Amino acid sequence: MRFSILRGVGNKMSLRSPEVELSYLIAKKAGTLKNLWEVDPLVEFRFFNLIPNEYPYKGRKLHHMIVLKRQSERLRLWEIIELYCIKRKLDGTYDWFKKNCKSMRSVDNCYHEHCELVEEEYK
């Protein structure tokens, strides 16, 4: 395949631009990626942080993530309630909230949702 290094992890297609995907893959291979729960937050909540996505998807004017503060894919009831409240509070700031399914995740050890403001041609 012509751009096999740009396809992401395994057989997954990347939603990032080829340049951003290459930067991500280099950082991953070098072991310099930060754990999502350790990234400095833009906004801190009780159980979650709102963080910038250092490797944003193509066609996004703004790309943040709501990230669980602990390493886990499973949410507790009180975390689910807080997540719902955060998303209600942030509604209107972003075009959508998105949780990638397992087949599209490059990070699967920490619950996170993408908060994206999309460029007009990608809507």
Protein backbone atom coordinates (compact mmCIF):
# COMPACT_ATOMS: atom_id res chain seq x y z
CA MET A 1 0.00 0.00 0.00
CA ARG A 2 1.34 3.43 -0.95
CA PHE A 3 0.82 5.23 2.40
CA SER A 4 0.75 2.27 4.79
CA ILE A 5 2.57 4.18 7.55
CA LEU A 6 -0.18 6.80 7.46
CA ARG A 7 -3.01 4.36 8.03
CA GLY A 8 -2.75 4.53 11.79
CA VAL A 9 -2.46 1.66 14.21
CA GLY A 10 -2.91 -1.79 12.70
CA ASN A 11 -5.46 -1.69 9.90
CA LYS A 12 -7.31 1.34 11.24
CA MET A 13 -7.91 4.29 8.97
CA SER A 14 -6.91 7.55 10.57
CA LEU A 15 -9.17 10.59 10.81
CA ARG A 16 -6.06 12.76 11.09
CA SER A 17 -4.31 14.45 8.18
CA PRO A 18 -1.31 12.47 6.88
CA GLU A 19 1.10 14.98 8.50
CA VAL A 20 -0.59 14.83 11.92
CA GLU A 21 -0.91 11.04 11.74
CA LEU A 22 2.80 10.71 10.94
CA SER A 23 3.64 12.98 13.89
CA TYR A 24 1.42 10.83 16.13
CA LEU A 25 3.01 7.57 14.95
CA ILE A 26 6.53 8.93 15.46
CA ALA A 27 5.69 10.07 19.01
CA LYS A 28 4.04 6.72 19.76
CA LYS A 29 7.02 4.74 18.50
CA ALA A 30 9.43 7.00 20.43
CA GLY A 31 7.38 6.55 23.60
CA THR A 32 6.85 10.30 24.03
CA LEU A 33 3.03 10.30 24.01
CA LYS A 34 1.48 11.51 27.26
CA ASN A 35 -1.22 9.49 28.97
CA LEU A 36 -4.50 11.33 28.39
CA TRP A 37 -5.21 11.56 32.13
CA GLU A 38 -1.83 13.31 32.60
CA VAL A 39 -2.30 16.08 30.01
CA ASP A 40 -2.64 19.57 31.52
CA PRO A 41 -6.36 20.42 31.46
CA LEU A 42 -8.02 23.42 29.89
CA VAL A 43 -10.85 22.91 32.38
CA GLU A 44 -10.85 20.59 35.38
CA PHE A 45 -13.98 18.88 36.69
CA ARG A 46 -14.31 16.47 39.60
CA PHE A 47 -13.84 13.22 37.64
CA PHE A 48 -12.92 14.52 34.16
CA ASN A 49 -10.63 17.01 32.45
CA LEU A 50 -11.20 18.91 29.24
CA ILE A 51 -7.91 18.75 27.33
CA PRO A 52 -6.63 19.83 23.92
CA ASN A 53 -6.15 17.08 21.36
CA GLU A 54 -2.48 17.32 20.42
CA TYR A 55 -3.16 15.23 17.29
CA PRO A 56 -6.46 16.67 15.98
CA TYR A 57 -8.59 15.18 13.26
CA LYS A 58 -8.57 16.66 9.79
CA GLY A 59 -11.10 19.44 9.17
CA ARG A 60 -11.48 20.53 12.79
CA LYS A 61 -11.37 24.20 13.82
CA LEU A 62 -11.27 23.10 17.45
CA HIS A 63 -10.64 19.63 18.85
CA HIS A 64 -10.70 18.95 22.57
CA MET A 65 -11.37 15.81 24.58
CA ILE A 66 -13.26 15.09 27.78
CA VAL A 67 -10.96 12.64 29.57
CA LEU A 68 -11.51 10.54 32.67
CA LYS A 69 -8.92 11.47 35.32
CA ARG A 70 -8.11 7.84 36.05
CA GLN A 71 -6.89 5.07 33.79
CA SER A 72 -10.01 3.10 32.93
CA GLU A 73 -12.41 2.50 30.05
CA ARG A 74 -15.25 1.80 32.48
CA LEU A 75 -17.27 4.58 34.04
CA ARG A 76 -18.86 4.53 37.48
CA LEU A 77 -22.40 5.84 37.94
CA TRP A 78 -21.29 9.19 39.39
CA GLU A 79 -18.84 9.65 36.51
CA ILE A 80 -21.63 9.02 34.00
CA ILE A 81 -23.72 11.68 35.74
CA GLU A 82 -20.87 14.19 35.68
CA LEU A 83 -20.13 13.43 32.01
CA TYR A 84 -23.77 14.11 31.14
CA CYS A 85 -23.63 17.46 33.03
CA ILE A 86 -20.35 18.45 31.34
CA LYS A 87 -21.76 17.73 27.89
CA ARG A 88 -24.88 19.76 28.65
CA LYS A 89 -22.69 22.64 29.83
CA LEU A 90 -20.49 22.49 26.72
CA ASP A 91 -23.35 22.03 24.24
CA GLY A 92 -23.26 24.99 21.87
CA THR A 93 -19.46 25.27 22.12
CA TYR A 94 -18.85 22.33 19.77
CA ASP A 95 -20.56 20.83 16.72
CA TRP A 96 -20.55 17.38 18.23
CA PHE A 97 -19.30 15.06 20.94
CA LYS A 98 -17.94 11.77 19.64
CA LYS A 99 -16.94 8.53 21.28
CA ASN A 100 -14.95 6.31 18.95
CA CYS A 101 -15.86 2.64 18.87
CA LYS A 102 -13.14 0.12 19.61
CA SER A 103 -12.22 -0.40 15.95
CA MET A 104 -11.31 3.31 15.55
CA ARG A 105 -9.55 3.98 18.88
CA SER A 106 -5.85 4.71 19.05
CA VAL A 107 -6.11 5.07 22.86
CA ASP A 108 -8.14 2.37 24.57
CA ASN A 109 -6.90 2.51 28.17
CA CYS A 110 -8.65 5.72 29.22
CA TYR A 111 -12.27 6.75 28.69
CA HIS A 112 -12.46 9.87 26.53
CA GLU A 113 -14.84 11.61 24.17
CA HIS A 114 -13.94 14.01 21.41
CA CYS A 115 -15.40 17.54 21.38
CA GLU A 116 -15.14 18.94 17.88
CA LEU A 117 -15.87 22.19 16.11
CA VAL A 118 -15.83 21.25 12.44
CA GLU A 119 -14.78 23.34 9.43
CA GLU A 120 -17.74 24.11 7.15
CA GLU A 121 -16.63 21.85 4.29
CA TYR A 122 -16.60 18.85 6.67
CA LYS A 123 -20.17 19.32 7.94
